[in-house]
C-alpha atoms as a PDB file:
ATOM      1  CA  MET A   1     -50.088 -17.118  13.194  1.00  0.00           C
ATOM      2  CA  VAL A   2     -47.226 -17.185  11.505  1.00  0.00           C
ATOM      3  CA  VAL A   3     -45.452 -21.044  11.444  1.00  0.00           C
ATOM      4  CA  ILE A   4     -42.102 -21.400   9.655  1.00  0.00           C
ATOM      5  CA  ASN A   5     -40.937 -24.396   8.361  1.00  0.00           C
ATOM      6  CA  MET A   6     -38.214 -26.418  10.891  1.00  0.00           C
ATOM      7  CA  MET A   7     -35.999 -26.788   8.074  1.00  0.00           C
ATOM      8  CA  VAL A   8     -36.647 -23.422   6.192  1.00  0.00           C
ATOM      9  CA  PHE A   9     -35.544 -21.805   9.896  1.00  0.00           C
ATOM     10  CA  LYS A  10     -32.535 -23.842  10.014  1.00  0.00           C
ATOM     11  CA  HIS A  11     -31.251 -23.182   6.564  1.00  0.00           C
ATOM     12  CA  ILE A  12     -32.139 -19.339   7.205  1.00  0.00           C
ATOM     13  CA  TYR A  13     -30.049 -19.288  10.680  1.00  0.00           C
ATOM     14  CA  PHE A  14     -27.246 -21.220   8.855  1.00  0.00           C
ATOM     15  CA  ARG A  15     -26.376 -18.895   6.182  1.00  0.00           C
ATOM     16  CA  ALA A  16     -26.657 -15.640   8.273  1.00  0.00           C
ATOM     17  CA  LEU A  17     -24.057 -17.792  10.490  1.00  0.00           C
ATOM     18  CA  ILE A  18     -22.018 -18.575   7.549  1.00  0.00           C
ATOM     19  CA  PHE A  19     -22.349 -14.698   6.702  1.00  0.00           C
ATOM     20  CA  GLY A  20     -21.931 -13.193   9.693  1.00  0.00           C
ATOM     21  CA  VAL A  21     -18.701 -15.395  10.632  1.00  0.00           C
ATOM     22  CA  ALA A  22     -17.131 -14.365   6.957  1.00  0.00           C
ATOM     23  CA  SER A  23     -17.727 -11.216   7.582  1.00  0.00           C
ATOM     24  CA  ILE A  24     -16.035 -10.880  10.547  1.00  0.00           C
ATOM     25  CA  LEU A  25     -12.908 -12.726   9.394  1.00  0.00           C
ATOM     26  CA  LEU A  26     -12.678 -10.465   6.272  1.00  0.00           C
ATOM     27  CA  THR A  27     -12.864  -7.559   8.347  1.00  0.00           C
ATOM     28  CA  GLY A  28      -9.846  -8.890  10.065  1.00  0.00           C
ATOM     29  CA  CYS A  29      -8.111  -9.956   7.114  1.00  0.00           C
ATOM     30  CA  PHE A  30      -8.569  -6.395   5.908  1.00  0.00           C
ATOM     31  CA  ALA A  31      -7.673  -4.687   9.143  1.00  0.00           C
ATOM     32  CA  TYR A  32      -4.063  -7.226   9.264  1.00  0.00           C
ATOM     33  CA  THR A  33      -3.097  -6.476   5.885  1.00  0.00           C
ATOM     34  CA  ALA A  34      -3.872  -2.557   6.044  1.00  0.00           C
ATOM     35  CA  GLN A  35      -1.723  -2.692   9.688  1.00  0.00           C
ATOM     36  CA  LYS A  36       1.268  -5.078   7.790  1.00  0.00           C
ATOM     37  CA  LYS A  37       1.552  -2.382   4.829  1.00  0.00           C
ATOM     38  CA  TYR A  38       1.189   0.507   7.203  1.00  0.00           C
ATOM     39  CA  THR A  39       4.156  -0.817   9.403  1.00  0.00           C
ATOM     40  CA  LYS A  40       6.096  -1.455   6.350  1.00  0.00           C
ATOM     41  CA  ALA A  41       5.422   2.180   4.863  1.00  0.00           C
ATOM     42  CA  LEU A  42       6.393   3.625   7.971  1.00  0.00           C
ATOM     43  CA  ASN A  43       9.824   2.468   8.035  1.00  0.00           C
ATOM     44  CA  ALA A  44      10.430   3.428   4.264  1.00  0.00           C
ATOM     45  CA  PRO A  45      11.148   6.515   2.706  1.00  0.00           C
ATOM     46  CA  PRO A  46       8.108   9.110   2.109  1.00  0.00           C
ATOM     47  CA  TYR A  47       6.108   8.390  -0.858  1.00  0.00           C
ATOM     48  CA  ASP A  48       6.400  11.559  -3.512  1.00  0.00           C
ATOM     49  CA  ALA A  49       2.470  11.286  -3.212  1.00  0.00           C
ATOM     50  CA  ILE A  50      -0.511   9.421  -2.458  1.00  0.00           C
ATOM     51  CA  ILE A  51      -3.498   9.189  -4.112  1.00  0.00           C
ATOM     52  CA  VAL A  52      -7.126   9.555  -2.542  1.00  0.00           C
ATOM     53  CA  PRO A  53      -9.967   8.503  -4.541  1.00  0.00           C
ATOM     54  CA  GLY A  54     -13.332  10.649  -4.398  1.00  0.00           C
ATOM     55  CA  VAL A  55     -16.500  10.874  -2.573  1.00  0.00           C
ATOM     56  CA  PRO A  56     -19.426  13.260  -3.515  1.00  0.00           C
ATOM     57  CA  LEU A  57     -20.346  15.802  -0.802  1.00  0.00           C
ATOM     58  CA  GLU A  58     -23.466  15.184  -0.107  1.00  0.00           C
ATOM     59  CA  ASN A  59     -26.064  18.057   0.755  1.00  0.00           C
ATOM     60  CA  GLY A  60     -23.245  20.538   1.417  1.00  0.00           C
ATOM     61  CA  MET A  61     -21.585  18.084   4.162  1.00  0.00           C
ATOM     62  CA  TRP A  62     -18.906  15.486   3.792  1.00  0.00           C
ATOM     63  CA  SER A  63     -20.114  11.869   4.848  1.00  0.00           C
ATOM     64  CA  PRO A  64     -18.127   9.401   7.097  1.00  0.00           C
ATOM     65  CA  THR A  65     -16.743   7.542   4.307  1.00  0.00           C
ATOM     66  CA  MET A  66     -15.244  11.243   2.720  1.00  0.00           C
ATOM     67  CA  LYS A  67     -14.172  11.884   6.345  1.00  0.00           C
ATOM     68  CA  ALA A  68     -12.608   9.091   6.827  1.00  0.00           C
ATOM     69  CA  ARG A  69     -10.225   9.440   3.556  1.00  0.00           C
ATOM     70  CA  VAL A  70      -9.512  12.922   4.102  1.00  0.00           C
ATOM     71  CA  TYR A  71      -8.166  12.588   7.921  1.00  0.00           C
ATOM     72  CA  TRP A  72      -6.449   9.636   6.681  1.00  0.00           C
ATOM     73  CA  SER A  73      -4.175  11.241   4.268  1.00  0.00           C
ATOM     74  CA  VAL A  74      -3.839  14.250   6.238  1.00  0.00           C
ATOM     75  CA  TYR A  75      -2.326  11.885   8.800  1.00  0.00           C
ATOM     76  CA  LEU A  76      -0.015  10.490   6.794  1.00  0.00           C
ATOM     77  CA  TYR A  77       1.111  13.759   5.362  1.00  0.00           C
ATOM     78  CA  LYS A  78       1.638  14.983   8.850  1.00  0.00           C
ATOM     79  CA  LYS A  79       3.658  11.696   9.655  1.00  0.00           C
ATOM     80  CA  GLY A  80       6.127  12.539   6.716  1.00  0.00           C
ATOM     81  CA  MET A  81       4.897   9.651   5.078  1.00  0.00           C
ATOM     82  CA  ALA A  82       3.619  11.389   2.250  1.00  0.00           C
ATOM     83  CA  LYS A  83       5.223  14.965   0.408  1.00  0.00           C
ATOM     84  CA  ASN A  84       2.353  15.410  -1.469  1.00  0.00           C
ATOM     85  CA  ILE A  85      -1.450  14.302  -1.843  1.00  0.00           C
ATOM     86  CA  ILE A  86      -3.525  13.741  -5.235  1.00  0.00           C
ATOM     87  CA  PHE A  87      -6.933  14.037  -4.685  1.00  0.00           C
ATOM     88  CA  SER A  88      -8.889  12.616  -7.460  1.00  0.00           C
ATOM     89  CA  GLY A  89     -12.766  12.976  -8.632  1.00  0.00           C
ATOM     90  CA  SER A  90     -14.785  14.853 -10.766  1.00  0.00           C
ATOM     91  CA  ALA A  91     -18.713  15.909 -10.154  1.00  0.00           C
ATOM     92  CA  VAL A  92     -20.240  12.863 -10.545  1.00  0.00           C
ATOM     93  CA  TYR A  93     -23.379  12.785  -8.753  1.00  0.00           C
ATOM     94  CA  THR A  94     -23.886  15.944  -7.021  1.00  0.00           C
ATOM     95  CA  PRO A  95     -22.879  19.478  -8.452  1.00  0.00           C
ATOM     96  CA  TYR A  96     -19.579  19.363  -6.770  1.00  0.00           C
ATOM     97  CA  ILE A  97     -15.720  18.619  -8.117  1.00  0.00           C
ATOM     98  CA  GLU A  98     -15.200  15.385  -5.661  1.00  0.00           C
ATOM     99  CA  ALA A  99     -11.331  16.223  -5.395  1.00  0.00           C
ATOM    100  CA  LYS A 100     -11.652  19.938  -4.867  1.00  0.00           C
ATOM    101  CA  VAL A 101     -14.014  19.138  -1.798  1.00  0.00           C
ATOM    102  CA  MET A 102     -11.136  17.242  -0.074  1.00  0.00           C
ATOM    103  CA  ALA A 103      -8.729  19.361  -0.700  1.00  0.00           C
ATOM    104  CA  LEU A 104     -10.359  22.050   0.593  1.00  0.00           C
ATOM    105  CA  TYR A 105     -10.782  20.273   3.817  1.00  0.00           C
ATOM    106  CA  ALA A 106      -7.197  19.344   3.438  1.00  0.00           C
ATOM    107  CA  GLU A 107      -6.151  22.485   3.127  1.00  0.00           C
ATOM    108  CA  GLU A 108      -8.181  23.238   6.390  1.00  0.00           C
ATOM    109  CA  LEU A 109      -6.567  20.645   8.403  1.00  0.00           C
ATOM    110  CA  GLY A 110      -3.302  21.870   7.870  1.00  0.00           C
ATOM    111  CA  VAL A 111      -1.990  20.383   4.309  1.00  0.00           C
ATOM    112  CA  ALA A 112       0.049  23.112   2.697  1.00  0.00           C
ATOM    113  CA  LYS A 113      -1.670  24.048  -0.306  1.00  0.00           C
ATOM    114  CA  GLU A 114       1.334  23.308  -2.502  1.00  0.00           C
ATOM    115  CA  ASN A 115       1.668  20.248  -1.235  1.00  0.00           C
ATOM    116  CA  ILE A 116      -2.378  19.645  -2.632  1.00  0.00           C
ATOM    117  CA  PHE A 117      -3.081  18.477  -6.529  1.00  0.00           C
ATOM    118  CA  THR A 118      -6.576  17.754  -7.935  1.00  0.00           C
ATOM    119  CA  GLU A 119      -7.616  15.306 -10.659  1.00  0.00           C
ATOM    120  CA  GLN A 120     -10.611  16.351 -11.532  1.00  0.00           C
ATOM    121  CA  LYS A 121     -11.906  13.974 -14.748  1.00  0.00           C
ATOM    122  CA  ALA A 122     -12.262  10.643 -12.782  1.00  0.00           C
ATOM    123  CA  GLU A 123     -15.766   9.065 -12.062  1.00  0.00           C
ATOM    124  CA  HIS A 124     -15.301   5.780 -11.234  1.00  0.00           C
ATOM    125  CA  SER A 125     -13.153   4.472  -8.597  1.00  0.00           C
ATOM    126  CA  THR A 126     -10.708   2.524 -11.491  1.00  0.00           C
ATOM    127  CA  GLU A 127     -10.434   6.077 -13.018  1.00  0.00           C
ATOM    128  CA  ASN A 128      -9.394   7.580  -9.893  1.00  0.00           C
ATOM    129  CA  LEU A 129      -6.551   5.093  -9.713  1.00  0.00           C
ATOM    130  CA  PHE A 130      -5.415   5.154 -13.429  1.00  0.00           C
ATOM    131  CA  TYR A 131      -5.684   9.192 -14.278  1.00  0.00           C
ATOM    132  CA  SER A 132      -3.974   9.972 -10.701  1.00  0.00           C
ATOM    133  CA  TYR A 133      -1.463   7.813 -11.440  1.00  0.00           C
ATOM    134  CA  LYS A 134      -0.592   9.236 -15.040  1.00  0.00           C
ATOM    135  CA  LEU A 135      -0.995  12.775 -13.447  1.00  0.00           C
ATOM    136  CA  SER A 136       1.701  11.503 -10.716  1.00  0.00           C
ATOM    137  CA  GLN A 137       3.775  10.798 -13.546  1.00  0.00           C
ATOM    138  CA  ASN A 138       3.282  14.252 -15.468  1.00  0.00           C
ATOM    139  CA  LEU A 139       4.283  15.864 -12.075  1.00  0.00           C
ATOM    140  CA  GLY A 140       7.735  13.884 -11.670  1.00  0.00           C
ATOM    141  CA  PHE A 141       6.366  11.666  -8.827  1.00  0.00           C
ATOM    142  CA  LYS A 142       7.935   8.170  -8.995  1.00  0.00           C
ATOM    143  CA  ASN A 143       7.080   6.777  -5.623  1.00  0.00           C
ATOM    144  CA  VAL A 144       3.144   7.147  -5.383  1.00  0.00           C
ATOM    145  CA  ALA A 145       0.682   5.047  -3.302  1.00  0.00           C
ATOM    146  CA  LEU A 146      -2.854   5.099  -3.352  1.00  0.00           C
ATOM    147  CA  THR A 147      -5.062   5.185  -0.030  1.00  0.00           C
ATOM    148  CA  THR A 148      -8.621   4.264   0.785  1.00  0.00           C
ATOM    149  CA  ASP A 149     -10.331   2.077   2.702  1.00  0.00           C
ATOM    150  CA  PRO A 150      -9.127  -1.302   2.651  1.00  0.00           C
ATOM    151  CA  PHE A 151     -11.854  -3.403   0.958  1.00  0.00           C
ATOM    152  CA  GLN A 152     -11.673  -0.378  -1.976  1.00  0.00           C
ATOM    153  CA  SER A 153      -8.102  -0.738  -1.401  1.00  0.00           C
ATOM    154  CA  LYS A 154      -8.216  -4.622  -2.478  1.00  0.00           C
ATOM    155  CA  ILE A 155     -10.418  -4.244  -5.207  1.00  0.00           C
ATOM    156  CA  LEU A 156      -8.065  -1.399  -7.078  1.00  0.00           C
ATOM    157  CA  GLU A 157      -4.942  -3.595  -6.370  1.00  0.00           C
ATOM    158  CA  LYS A 158      -5.869  -5.964  -9.225  1.00  0.00           C
ATOM    159  CA  TYR A 159      -6.089  -2.730 -12.107  1.00  0.00           C
ATOM    160  CA  ALA A 160      -3.168  -1.603 -10.840  1.00  0.00           C
ATOM    161  CA  TYR A 161      -1.363  -5.003 -11.647  1.00  0.00           C
ATOM    162  CA  LYS A 162      -3.681  -5.149 -15.019  1.00  0.00           C
ATOM    163  CA  TYR A 163      -2.748  -1.515 -16.187  1.00  0.00           C
ATOM    164  CA  ASP A 164       1.110  -2.110 -15.088  1.00  0.00           C
ATOM    165  CA  LEU A 165       0.531   0.974 -12.826  1.00  0.00           C
ATOM    166  CA  PHE A 166       3.474   1.196 -10.093  1.00  0.00           C
ATOM    167  CA  VAL A 167       1.248   1.854  -7.362  1.00  0.00           C
ATOM    168  CA  ASP A 168       1.536   1.070  -3.356  1.00  0.00           C
ATOM    169  CA  PHE A 169      -1.535   0.798  -1.660  1.00  0.00           C
ATOM    170  CA  LEU A 170      -1.792   2.020   2.179  1.00  0.00           C
ATOM    171  CA  PRO A 171      -5.288   1.362   2.968  1.00  0.00           C
ATOM    172  CA  VAL A 172      -6.907   3.263   6.277  1.00  0.00           C
ATOM    173  CA  VAL A 173      -6.034   1.750   9.520  1.00  0.00           C
ATOM    174  CA  PHE A 174      -9.413   2.394  11.656  1.00  0.00           C
ATOM    175  CA  SER A 175      -7.738   1.476  14.973  1.00  0.00           C
ATOM    176  CA  ILE A 176      -5.308   4.302  14.053  1.00  0.00           C
ATOM    177  CA  LEU A 177      -8.094   6.888  12.242  1.00  0.00           C
ATOM    178  CA  ASP A 178     -10.298   6.370  15.211  1.00  0.00           C
ATOM    179  CA  SER A 179      -7.859   7.835  17.916  1.00  0.00           C
ATOM    180  CA  ILE A 180      -7.490  10.914  16.392  1.00  0.00           C
ATOM    181  CA  PRO A 181      -9.110  13.938  17.480  1.00  0.00           C
ATOM    182  CA  LYS A 182     -11.558  15.141  14.547  1.00  0.00           C
ATOM    183  CA  ILE A 183     -13.256  18.512  13.834  1.00  0.00           C
ATOM    184  CA  ASP A 184     -15.686  19.182  10.673  1.00  0.00           C
ATOM    185  CA  PRO A 185     -13.907  22.459   9.338  1.00  0.00           C
ATOM    186  CA  ASP A 186     -15.991  24.910   7.739  1.00  0.00           C
ATOM    187  CA  ILE A 187     -15.355  24.872   3.662  1.00  0.00           C
ATOM    188  CA  ASP A 188     -16.210  27.486   1.004  1.00  0.00           C
ATOM    189  CA  GLU A 189     -17.857  24.690  -1.231  1.00  0.00           C
ATOM    190  CA  SER A 190     -18.515  27.563  -4.066  1.00  0.00           C
ATOM    191  CA  LYS A 191     -15.633  26.921  -4.977  1.00  0.00           C
ATOM    192  CA  ALA A 192     -15.954  22.954  -6.181  1.00  0.00           C
ATOM    193  CA  HIS A 193     -19.346  23.894  -7.594  1.00  0.00           C
ATOM    194  CA  VAL A 194     -20.485  23.093 -11.122  1.00  0.00           C
ATOM    195  CA  ASP A 195     -22.940  25.567 -12.552  1.00  0.00           C
ATOM    196  CA  SER A 196     -23.582  23.187 -15.721  1.00  0.00           C
ATOM    197  CA  PHE A 197     -23.813  19.884 -14.155  1.00  0.00           C
ATOM    198  CA  ILE A 198     -25.813  16.876 -14.850  1.00  0.00           C
ATOM    199  CA  SER A 199     -25.719  13.743 -13.055  1.00  0.00           C
ATOM    200  CA  ILE A 200     -23.749  10.599 -14.049  1.00  0.00           C
ATOM    201  CA  GLU A 201     -27.261   8.850 -13.667  1.00  0.00           C
ATOM    202  CA  GLU A 202     -28.456  11.110 -16.104  1.00  0.00           C
ATOM    203  CA  ARG A 203     -26.045  10.896 -19.044  1.00  0.00           C
ATOM    204  CA  GLU A 204     -25.396   7.292 -18.319  1.00  0.00           C
ATOM    205  CA  SER A 205     -27.111   3.941 -18.394  1.00  0.00           C
ATOM    206  CA  LYS A 206     -26.855   1.779 -15.528  1.00  0.00           C
ATOM    207  CA  TRP A 207     -24.897  -0.732 -17.800  1.00  0.00           C
ATOM    208  CA  LYS A 208     -22.571   2.066 -18.818  1.00  0.00           C
ATOM    209  CA  ARG A 209     -21.533   3.108 -15.110  1.00  0.00           C
ATOM    210  CA  PHE A 210     -21.352  -0.835 -14.279  1.00  0.00           C
ATOM    211  CA  ALA A 211     -18.763  -1.328 -17.476  1.00  0.00           C
ATOM    212  CA  GLY A 212     -17.023   2.177 -15.786  1.00  0.00           C
ATOM    213  CA  THR A 213     -16.460   0.600 -12.456  1.00  0.00           C
ATOM    214  CA  ARG A 214     -14.724  -2.053 -14.021  1.00  0.00           C
ATOM    215  CA  GLY A 215     -12.102   0.347 -15.758  1.00  0.00           C
ATOM    216  CA  LYS A 216     -14.275   0.164 -19.460  1.00  0.00           C
ATOM    217  CA  ASN A 217     -14.580   4.004 -19.887  1.00  0.00           C
ATOM    218  CA  ILE A 218     -10.962   4.666 -19.220  1.00  0.00           C
ATOM    219  CA  ARG A 219      -9.951   7.183 -21.338  1.00  0.00           C
ATOM    220  CA  PHE A 220      -6.411   6.580 -22.193  1.00  0.00           C
ATOM    221  CA  ASP A 221      -5.445   9.928 -23.822  1.00  0.00           C
ATOM    222  CA  LEU A 222      -6.482  12.429 -20.854  1.00  0.00           C
ATOM    223  CA  TYR A 223      -2.921  12.216 -19.076  1.00  0.00           C
ATOM    224  CA  ASN A 224      -0.406  11.903 -21.732  1.00  0.00           C
ATOM    225  CA  THR A 225       3.005  13.380 -21.053  1.00  0.00           C
ATOM    226  CA  ASP A 226       1.672  16.681 -22.810  1.00  0.00           C
ATOM    227  CA  SER A 227      -1.021  16.909 -20.157  1.00  0.00           C
ATOM    228  CA  ILE A 228      -0.917  19.840 -17.764  1.00  0.00           C
ATOM    229  CA  PRO A 229      -0.708  19.133 -14.064  1.00  0.00           C
ATOM    230  CA  THR A 230      -3.428  20.761 -11.785  1.00  0.00           C
ATOM    231  CA  LYS A 231      -2.369  22.528  -8.344  1.00  0.00           C
ATOM    232  CA  GLN A 232      -5.185  23.027  -5.832  1.00  0.00           C
END
């Protein structure tokens, strides 16, 4: 029989309770902020484009995270809140270019091909933000927002401020997303496949990858004014 010291038990219980309460409060705070930003955007002119950070294709299937981001961006587009969508992401952990995969799903869900753009160099969320914003400038888009899940959105806001990126943030409102009827359309993922693929886990140390998540690996020369826009 295992005997647990009552003081230890109380300490563990108290920490679990605090963590649980904090999680509930943070979730509620994120949900309130997302709804507030959505309501504001709903009553404003449409964005020239929304930026959607990439997610890896896993075993030929989109993950719940990718599905949520794609469906939310498609919803904003069909709602008339965004004229164009920029999907961002290279082939990072799997041999499929994340931006292309998401673009293929968006097209199947009814987004016009001419309104879909892809940024295919980013390997970290900070690069999704920076590269896509620079690409949007090359495309002539003035009014741009980034849309993703509320937690990632909150993290990336500080990087937008740090790099002087004039980007709004329009995080997923899950109460709305949950009400949207969903399907799993078939796509030809081979269109996004990279033959000479090497995972980032093999190319970079964990410390370099960690630096990348903090925006330390950004290449500021990638999307200058001479860059060629990439259409889907």
